[in-house]
N, C-alpha and C. Protein backbone atom coordinates (compact mmCIF):
# COMPACT_ATOMS: atom_id res chain seq x y z
N MET A 1 8.02 -1.89 -13.66
CA MET A 1 7.09 -1.30 -12.72
C MET A 1 7.24 -2.00 -11.37
N GLU A 2 7.22 -1.22 -10.33
CA GLU A 2 7.39 -1.77 -8.97
C GLU A 2 6.10 -2.37 -8.44
N THR A 3 6.27 -3.25 -7.46
CA THR A 3 5.14 -3.83 -6.72
C THR A 3 5.39 -3.64 -5.23
N VAL A 4 4.37 -3.82 -4.44
CA VAL A 4 4.50 -3.78 -2.99
C VAL A 4 4.96 -5.16 -2.52
N VAL A 5 6.04 -5.19 -1.72
CA VAL A 5 6.55 -6.48 -1.22
C VAL A 5 6.48 -6.59 0.29
N GLY A 6 6.21 -5.48 0.97
CA GLY A 6 6.13 -5.49 2.42
C GLY A 6 5.55 -4.18 2.91
N LEU A 7 5.38 -4.07 4.20
CA LEU A 7 4.82 -2.85 4.77
C LEU A 7 5.34 -2.63 6.17
N HIS A 8 5.08 -1.45 6.67
CA HIS A 8 5.41 -1.09 8.05
C HIS A 8 4.11 -0.72 8.73
N ARG A 9 3.91 -1.26 9.92
CA ARG A 9 2.72 -0.93 10.72
C ARG A 9 3.15 -0.22 12.00
N ASN A 10 2.29 0.65 12.51
CA ASN A 10 2.57 1.29 13.80
C ASN A 10 2.11 0.34 14.91
N HIS A 11 2.26 0.76 16.15
CA HIS A 11 1.93 -0.12 17.27
C HIS A 11 0.42 -0.36 17.41
N PHE A 12 -0.40 0.38 16.64
CA PHE A 12 -1.85 0.13 16.61
C PHE A 12 -2.23 -0.84 15.50
N GLY A 13 -1.23 -1.26 14.70
CA GLY A 13 -1.49 -2.18 13.60
C GLY A 13 -1.87 -1.49 12.30
N GLU A 14 -1.83 -0.16 12.28
CA GLU A 14 -2.18 0.59 11.08
C GLU A 14 -0.98 0.66 10.13
N ILE A 15 -1.23 0.54 8.84
CA ILE A 15 -0.16 0.63 7.85
C ILE A 15 0.29 2.08 7.75
N ILE A 16 1.61 2.30 7.90
CA ILE A 16 2.13 3.66 7.80
C ILE A 16 3.03 3.85 6.59
N SER A 17 3.61 2.77 6.07
CA SER A 17 4.43 2.88 4.86
C SER A 17 4.55 1.51 4.20
N PHE A 18 5.00 1.54 2.95
CA PHE A 18 5.13 0.34 2.14
C PHE A 18 6.56 0.18 1.66
N VAL A 19 6.98 -1.05 1.46
CA VAL A 19 8.28 -1.38 0.89
C VAL A 19 8.00 -1.88 -0.53
N THR A 20 8.71 -1.30 -1.52
CA THR A 20 8.49 -1.69 -2.90
C THR A 20 9.54 -2.69 -3.36
N SER A 21 9.28 -3.31 -4.49
CA SER A 21 10.23 -4.27 -5.06
C SER A 21 11.53 -3.58 -5.46
N GLY A 22 11.51 -2.28 -5.63
CA GLY A 22 12.72 -1.51 -5.93
C GLY A 22 13.50 -1.11 -4.69
N GLY A 23 13.02 -1.52 -3.52
CA GLY A 23 13.71 -1.22 -2.27
C GLY A 23 13.33 0.11 -1.64
N ARG A 24 12.39 0.81 -2.24
CA ARG A 24 11.96 2.09 -1.67
C ARG A 24 11.00 1.87 -0.52
N ILE A 25 11.05 2.75 0.45
CA ILE A 25 10.07 2.80 1.53
C ILE A 25 9.29 4.08 1.32
N ILE A 26 8.00 3.93 1.04
CA ILE A 26 7.18 5.09 0.74
C ILE A 26 6.00 5.17 1.70
N SER A 27 5.60 6.38 2.00
CA SER A 27 4.49 6.59 2.93
C SER A 27 3.18 6.08 2.33
N TYR A 28 2.21 5.92 3.17
CA TYR A 28 0.88 5.50 2.72
C TYR A 28 0.36 6.48 1.68
N GLN A 29 0.50 7.78 1.95
CA GLN A 29 0.00 8.80 1.03
C GLN A 29 0.70 8.75 -0.32
N LYS A 30 2.03 8.57 -0.32
CA LYS A 30 2.78 8.48 -1.57
C LYS A 30 2.37 7.21 -2.33
N ALA A 31 2.17 6.11 -1.62
CA ALA A 31 1.73 4.87 -2.26
C ALA A 31 0.35 5.05 -2.89
N LEU A 32 -0.51 5.79 -2.22
CA LEU A 32 -1.83 6.07 -2.75
C LEU A 32 -1.72 6.84 -4.07
N LEU A 33 -0.88 7.87 -4.09
CA LEU A 33 -0.68 8.66 -5.31
C LEU A 33 -0.08 7.82 -6.43
N GLU A 34 0.92 7.01 -6.09
CA GLU A 34 1.57 6.19 -7.11
C GLU A 34 0.65 5.11 -7.64
N ALA A 35 -0.20 4.54 -6.79
CA ALA A 35 -1.16 3.55 -7.26
C ALA A 35 -2.18 4.20 -8.19
N ALA A 36 -2.65 5.39 -7.82
CA ALA A 36 -3.62 6.10 -8.65
C ALA A 36 -3.03 6.47 -10.01
N ASN A 37 -1.72 6.73 -10.05
CA ASN A 37 -1.04 7.11 -11.29
C ASN A 37 -0.46 5.93 -12.05
N GLY A 38 -0.65 4.71 -11.55
CA GLY A 38 -0.18 3.52 -12.23
C GLY A 38 1.30 3.26 -12.12
N VAL A 39 1.97 3.86 -11.14
CA VAL A 39 3.41 3.67 -10.95
C VAL A 39 3.69 2.35 -10.23
N ILE A 40 2.80 1.96 -9.33
CA ILE A 40 2.93 0.70 -8.57
C ILE A 40 1.83 -0.24 -9.02
N LYS A 41 2.19 -1.47 -9.33
CA LYS A 41 1.15 -2.43 -9.72
C LYS A 41 0.85 -3.37 -8.55
N GLY A 42 -0.33 -3.96 -8.59
CA GLY A 42 -0.73 -4.89 -7.56
C GLY A 42 -1.56 -4.28 -6.45
N VAL A 43 -1.64 -2.95 -6.43
CA VAL A 43 -2.49 -2.24 -5.47
C VAL A 43 -3.33 -1.23 -6.23
N GLN A 44 -4.44 -0.87 -5.64
CA GLN A 44 -5.30 0.12 -6.29
C GLN A 44 -5.82 1.12 -5.28
N ALA A 45 -6.01 2.34 -5.73
CA ALA A 45 -6.60 3.39 -4.92
C ALA A 45 -8.11 3.36 -5.16
N THR A 46 -8.88 3.15 -4.11
CA THR A 46 -10.33 3.11 -4.21
C THR A 46 -10.94 4.00 -3.13
N GLU A 47 -12.19 4.35 -3.30
CA GLU A 47 -12.89 5.14 -2.30
C GLU A 47 -13.62 4.23 -1.33
N ASP A 48 -13.52 4.56 -0.03
CA ASP A 48 -14.29 3.80 0.95
C ASP A 48 -15.72 4.37 0.99
N HIS A 49 -16.53 3.88 1.90
CA HIS A 49 -17.93 4.30 1.96
C HIS A 49 -18.11 5.76 2.35
N ASP A 50 -17.06 6.40 2.91
CA ASP A 50 -17.09 7.82 3.26
C ASP A 50 -16.52 8.70 2.16
N GLY A 51 -16.07 8.09 1.05
CA GLY A 51 -15.49 8.86 -0.05
C GLY A 51 -14.01 9.14 0.11
N LYS A 52 -13.39 8.54 1.12
CA LYS A 52 -11.96 8.72 1.37
C LYS A 52 -11.17 7.72 0.53
N LEU A 53 -10.07 8.19 -0.08
CA LEU A 53 -9.22 7.28 -0.87
C LEU A 53 -8.43 6.36 0.05
N ILE A 54 -8.47 5.07 -0.26
CA ILE A 54 -7.71 4.08 0.50
C ILE A 54 -7.00 3.15 -0.48
N LEU A 55 -5.99 2.48 -0.01
CA LEU A 55 -5.28 1.49 -0.83
C LEU A 55 -5.82 0.11 -0.52
N SER A 56 -5.91 -0.69 -1.56
CA SER A 56 -6.27 -2.09 -1.36
C SER A 56 -5.51 -2.93 -2.37
N PRO A 57 -5.16 -4.16 -1.98
CA PRO A 57 -4.49 -5.04 -2.94
C PRO A 57 -5.48 -5.45 -4.02
N GLU A 58 -4.98 -5.64 -5.24
CA GLU A 58 -5.87 -5.97 -6.35
C GLU A 58 -6.45 -7.38 -6.24
N LEU A 59 -5.70 -8.33 -5.74
CA LEU A 59 -6.16 -9.72 -5.72
C LEU A 59 -6.66 -10.18 -4.35
N GLU A 60 -6.32 -9.48 -3.31
CA GLU A 60 -6.69 -9.88 -1.95
C GLU A 60 -7.62 -8.82 -1.34
N HIS A 61 -8.22 -9.14 -0.22
CA HIS A 61 -9.10 -8.19 0.45
C HIS A 61 -8.37 -7.35 1.49
N THR A 62 -7.21 -7.84 1.96
CA THR A 62 -6.45 -7.12 2.98
C THR A 62 -4.96 -7.22 2.67
N PHE A 63 -4.17 -6.46 3.42
CA PHE A 63 -2.72 -6.51 3.28
C PHE A 63 -2.10 -7.49 4.27
N ASP A 64 -2.90 -8.34 4.90
CA ASP A 64 -2.40 -9.25 5.93
C ASP A 64 -1.36 -10.24 5.41
N GLN A 65 -1.35 -10.56 4.12
CA GLN A 65 -0.39 -11.51 3.57
C GLN A 65 0.99 -10.90 3.36
N TYR A 66 1.10 -9.57 3.46
CA TYR A 66 2.39 -8.91 3.28
C TYR A 66 3.18 -8.90 4.59
N PRO A 67 4.48 -9.16 4.51
CA PRO A 67 5.28 -9.15 5.75
C PRO A 67 5.46 -7.74 6.30
N ASN A 68 5.57 -7.66 7.60
CA ASN A 68 5.85 -6.39 8.27
C ASN A 68 7.36 -6.25 8.34
N LEU A 69 7.93 -5.45 7.45
CA LEU A 69 9.39 -5.29 7.35
C LEU A 69 9.85 -4.04 8.08
N PHE A 70 11.06 -4.10 8.58
CA PHE A 70 11.64 -2.94 9.27
C PHE A 70 12.90 -2.51 8.60
C-alpha cells in the first residue's frame, strides 16, 4: 500500500497534488478518493465544519512536515 511522501503547492501555498511512495503524482481530488477507499495509508478523508471532504494526515495536524517536491 502506498503512502504520501511529498506534495506540490501552488503559489498561494495550497496543496494541489501529492507524491506517493510508488512515485505517482496524484491530484488532491484523486488522493481524497484513494484515502477514502483505503488505497493510500497515512492520510484520511474527513469532513470539515462545512461538510466538505478534506484530506488530513493521520498522525499530524497539518501537511507541513511533508516536502514540497517538483
